[in-house]
């Protein structure tokens, strides 16, 4: 009888993980917690996650635990002052009227830059006729401490390999985007989760 070897996290495998994320250290504030009902499921080795995040998971199989700290230089970098900008309130017009509900301090708003790239901005203040927004990643300026477990590893389907992401995936966490950016992807099971569960790399 042939025994099928256990699959491990490596390029072009679909990996599911659960974890608790804290800022700064193992004693830091919990900013995200994923369980088996809502795991992070992703296509390994395709650039969708932080390189050092994947490096710490490489070679692990289902049931294996992990625990590691990503320094901010390996995570989302320092806070960039140039990413905090003033946006005219007219940008928030809907049918000729400014949508006041959008301009609430703390709101995360999906927007698009002049080159057509999607990005999320956080409203941090209303100043006169402008809205002050922060386009830094929500976890910028932080070391990230992950502790969790690999819950499943499987081979990717041909369709998933073609599109470069997992279809009908679980949650989107602090490792990557979870976005369906492939313009050739018209599969209704391919969900786009802009911003992710905590915005971390999502």
Protein backbone atom coordinates (compact mmCIF):
# COMPACT_ATOMS: atom_id res chain seq x y z
CA UNK A 1 0.00 0.00 0.00
CA UNK A 2 1.34 3.40 -0.98
CA UNK A 3 1.24 6.10 1.66
CA UNK A 4 0.53 9.54 0.27
CA UNK A 5 2.98 12.05 1.75
CA UNK A 6 1.58 15.00 3.62
CA UNK A 7 1.47 18.20 1.60
CA UNK A 8 3.46 21.17 2.82
CA UNK A 9 3.23 24.89 2.26
CA UNK A 10 5.16 25.52 -0.95
CA UNK A 11 4.68 27.29 -4.28
CA UNK A 12 1.29 26.73 -5.95
CA UNK A 13 -0.27 24.99 -2.96
CA UNK A 14 -3.46 26.32 -1.39
CA UNK A 15 -2.81 26.88 2.31
CA UNK A 16 -5.31 27.63 5.07
CA UNK A 17 -4.20 29.05 8.41
CA UNK A 18 -5.71 30.43 11.61
CA UNK A 19 -3.85 32.87 13.81
CA UNK A 20 -3.86 35.61 16.39
CA UNK A 21 -2.09 38.82 15.45
CA UNK A 22 -0.69 41.25 18.02
CA UNK A 23 1.13 44.52 17.45
CA UNK A 24 4.68 44.94 18.72
CA UNK A 25 5.23 41.67 20.59
CA UNK A 26 3.54 38.59 22.07
CA UNK A 27 2.24 40.85 24.84
CA UNK A 28 0.89 43.44 22.40
CA UNK A 29 -2.69 44.36 21.57
CA UNK A 30 -4.68 41.73 19.64
CA UNK A 31 -5.72 43.33 16.37
CA UNK A 32 -6.94 40.26 14.49
CA UNK A 33 -7.99 36.72 15.33
CA UNK A 34 -8.94 34.16 12.68
CA UNK A 35 -10.53 30.81 13.58
CA UNK A 36 -11.35 27.66 11.64
CA UNK A 37 -14.71 29.07 10.61
CA UNK A 38 -12.95 31.97 8.88
CA UNK A 39 -9.37 30.99 8.06
CA UNK A 40 -6.97 32.83 5.81
CA UNK A 41 -6.80 30.71 2.63
CA UNK A 42 -4.31 31.67 -0.04
CA UNK A 43 -2.25 30.46 -2.98
CA UNK A 44 1.29 30.08 -1.68
CA UNK A 45 4.26 31.62 -3.48
CA UNK A 46 2.46 33.87 -5.94
CA UNK A 47 3.26 37.25 -4.35
CA UNK A 48 -0.12 37.79 -2.70
CA UNK A 49 1.34 37.88 0.82
CA UNK A 50 4.26 39.51 2.55
CA UNK A 51 7.43 37.60 1.54
CA UNK A 52 8.66 37.17 5.13
CA UNK A 53 5.20 36.01 6.21
CA UNK A 54 5.30 33.19 3.66
CA UNK A 55 8.93 32.44 4.50
CA UNK A 56 7.91 31.66 8.07
CA UNK A 57 5.20 29.27 6.85
CA UNK A 58 7.24 27.52 4.17
CA UNK A 59 7.50 23.76 4.68
CA UNK A 60 4.74 23.54 7.28
CA UNK A 61 1.95 20.99 6.94
CA UNK A 62 -1.60 20.70 8.22
CA UNK A 63 -1.61 20.71 12.01
CA UNK A 64 1.76 22.44 12.34
CA UNK A 65 1.94 25.49 14.61
CA UNK A 66 3.84 28.70 13.98
CA UNK A 67 4.91 31.72 16.00
CA UNK A 68 7.00 34.59 14.67
CA UNK A 69 7.57 38.34 14.75
CA UNK A 70 7.79 40.45 11.60
CA UNK A 71 9.70 43.68 12.07
CA UNK A 72 8.02 46.69 10.48
CA UNK A 73 10.65 46.66 7.73
CA UNK A 74 9.41 43.18 6.73
CA UNK A 75 5.76 44.10 7.26
CA UNK A 76 4.23 47.39 6.08
CA UNK A 77 7.10 49.76 6.75
CA UNK A 78 7.09 53.04 8.66
CA UNK A 79 4.31 55.61 8.56
CA UNK A 80 4.89 57.82 5.50
CA UNK A 81 3.88 61.44 6.05
CA UNK A 82 3.37 61.98 2.30
CA UNK A 83 0.59 59.39 2.42
CA UNK A 84 -1.45 61.71 4.65
CA UNK A 85 -3.18 64.14 2.29
CA UNK A 86 -6.03 66.63 2.04
CA UNK A 87 -8.78 65.64 -0.39
CA UNK A 88 -11.42 68.15 -1.59
CA UNK A 89 -14.89 67.44 -0.19
CA UNK A 90 -16.18 67.51 -3.77
CA UNK A 91 -14.59 64.09 -4.24
CA UNK A 92 -17.37 62.75 -2.01
CA UNK A 93 -20.21 64.09 -4.14
CA UNK A 94 -22.93 61.64 -5.10
CA UNK A 95 -25.45 62.91 -7.67
CA UNK A 96 -24.22 66.45 -7.10
CA UNK A 97 -24.57 66.29 -3.32
CA UNK A 98 -21.74 65.71 -0.85
CA UNK A 99 -22.33 62.44 0.99
CA UNK A 100 -21.83 63.43 4.62
CA UNK A 101 -22.00 59.79 5.75
CA UNK A 102 -18.73 59.07 3.95
CA UNK A 103 -16.90 61.92 5.63
CA UNK A 104 -16.99 60.48 9.13
CA UNK A 105 -13.72 60.40 11.07
CA UNK A 106 -12.52 56.81 11.23
CA UNK A 107 -14.19 55.69 8.00
CA UNK A 108 -12.12 53.53 5.66
CA UNK A 109 -12.98 54.53 2.10
CA UNK A 110 -11.93 52.67 -1.07
CA UNK A 111 -10.61 55.14 -3.61
CA UNK A 112 -8.58 55.23 -6.80
CA UNK A 113 -5.48 57.25 -7.65
CA UNK A 114 -4.77 59.12 -10.89
CA UNK A 115 -3.24 55.98 -12.40
CA UNK A 116 -6.28 53.85 -11.69
CA UNK A 117 -4.81 51.92 -8.75
CA UNK A 118 -7.21 51.04 -5.96
CA UNK A 119 -6.30 52.07 -2.43
CA UNK A 120 -7.99 52.53 0.93
CA UNK A 121 -7.89 55.78 2.85
CA UNK A 122 -8.91 56.53 6.43
CA UNK A 123 -10.69 59.77 7.25
CA UNK A 124 -8.79 61.36 10.12
CA UNK A 125 -10.15 64.93 10.15
CA UNK A 126 -12.43 67.42 8.40
CA UNK A 127 -10.61 70.70 7.80
CA UNK A 128 -12.61 73.40 6.07
CA UNK A 129 -13.49 72.29 2.54
CA UNK A 130 -11.05 69.40 2.67
CA UNK A 131 -11.00 65.93 4.17
CA UNK A 132 -7.71 64.85 5.73
CA UNK A 133 -7.05 61.22 4.81
CA UNK A 134 -4.38 58.71 5.71
CA UNK A 135 -3.45 56.29 2.93
CA UNK A 136 -0.80 54.46 4.95
CA UNK A 137 -1.48 50.79 5.53
CA UNK A 138 -3.36 50.41 8.85
CA UNK A 139 -0.47 48.36 10.23
CA UNK A 140 2.28 50.71 9.02
CA UNK A 141 4.74 51.58 11.76
CA UNK A 142 4.16 48.33 13.66
CA UNK A 143 6.04 45.11 14.26
CA UNK A 144 3.61 42.21 13.82
CA UNK A 145 3.53 39.13 16.05
CA UNK A 146 1.73 36.07 14.65
CA UNK A 147 0.83 32.88 16.50
CA UNK A 148 -1.28 30.22 14.85
CA UNK A 149 -1.65 26.92 13.04
CA UNK A 150 -1.83 25.55 9.51
CA UNK A 151 -5.26 23.93 9.15
CA UNK A 152 -5.08 22.63 5.57
CA UNK A 153 -2.79 22.30 2.56
CA UNK A 154 -4.02 21.14 -0.84
CA UNK A 155 -3.06 21.31 -4.49
CA UNK A 156 -4.38 24.31 -6.40
CA UNK A 157 -6.81 23.75 -9.24
CA UNK A 158 -5.79 24.63 -12.79
CA UNK A 159 -8.23 27.54 -12.67
CA UNK A 160 -6.73 28.89 -9.45
CA UNK A 161 -3.24 28.65 -10.93
CA UNK A 162 -4.39 30.50 -14.06
CA UNK A 163 -6.02 33.31 -12.06
CA UNK A 164 -3.27 33.43 -9.43
CA UNK A 165 -5.58 33.26 -6.42
CA UNK A 166 -7.93 30.96 -4.53
CA UNK A 167 -11.61 30.77 -5.45
CA UNK A 168 -14.29 30.55 -2.77
CA UNK A 169 -11.61 31.26 -0.19
CA UNK A 170 -11.95 31.97 3.51
CA UNK A 171 -11.05 35.16 5.28
CA UNK A 172 -8.58 37.77 4.24
CA UNK A 173 -6.05 38.63 6.88
CA UNK A 174 -2.84 40.47 7.55
CA UNK A 175 -0.83 38.47 5.10
CA UNK A 176 -2.23 39.65 1.79
CA UNK A 177 -4.85 41.12 -0.44
CA UNK A 178 -7.40 38.40 -1.11
CA UNK A 179 -8.43 40.56 -4.05
CA UNK A 180 -9.56 39.31 -7.42
CA UNK A 181 -7.59 41.66 -9.62
CA UNK A 182 -7.39 39.45 -12.70
CA UNK A 183 -9.47 41.14 -15.37
CA UNK A 184 -9.87 37.75 -17.03
CA UNK A 185 -11.47 36.30 -13.92
CA UNK A 186 -15.23 36.15 -14.39
CA UNK A 187 -15.86 33.31 -11.97
CA UNK A 188 -18.73 34.32 -9.67
CA UNK A 189 -17.07 32.30 -6.89
CA UNK A 190 -14.10 34.63 -6.96
CA UNK A 191 -14.87 37.17 -4.28
CA UNK A 192 -13.02 40.42 -3.84
CA UNK A 193 -12.51 41.43 -0.22
CA UNK A 194 -11.23 44.96 -0.43
CA UNK A 195 -9.29 45.90 2.64
CA UNK A 196 -9.52 42.49 4.32
CA UNK A 197 -10.62 41.73 7.80
CA UNK A 198 -8.19 44.15 9.40
CA UNK A 199 -6.69 45.78 6.36
CA UNK A 200 -3.36 44.07 6.86
CA UNK A 201 -2.00 43.48 3.48
CA UNK A 202 -5.45 43.10 2.26
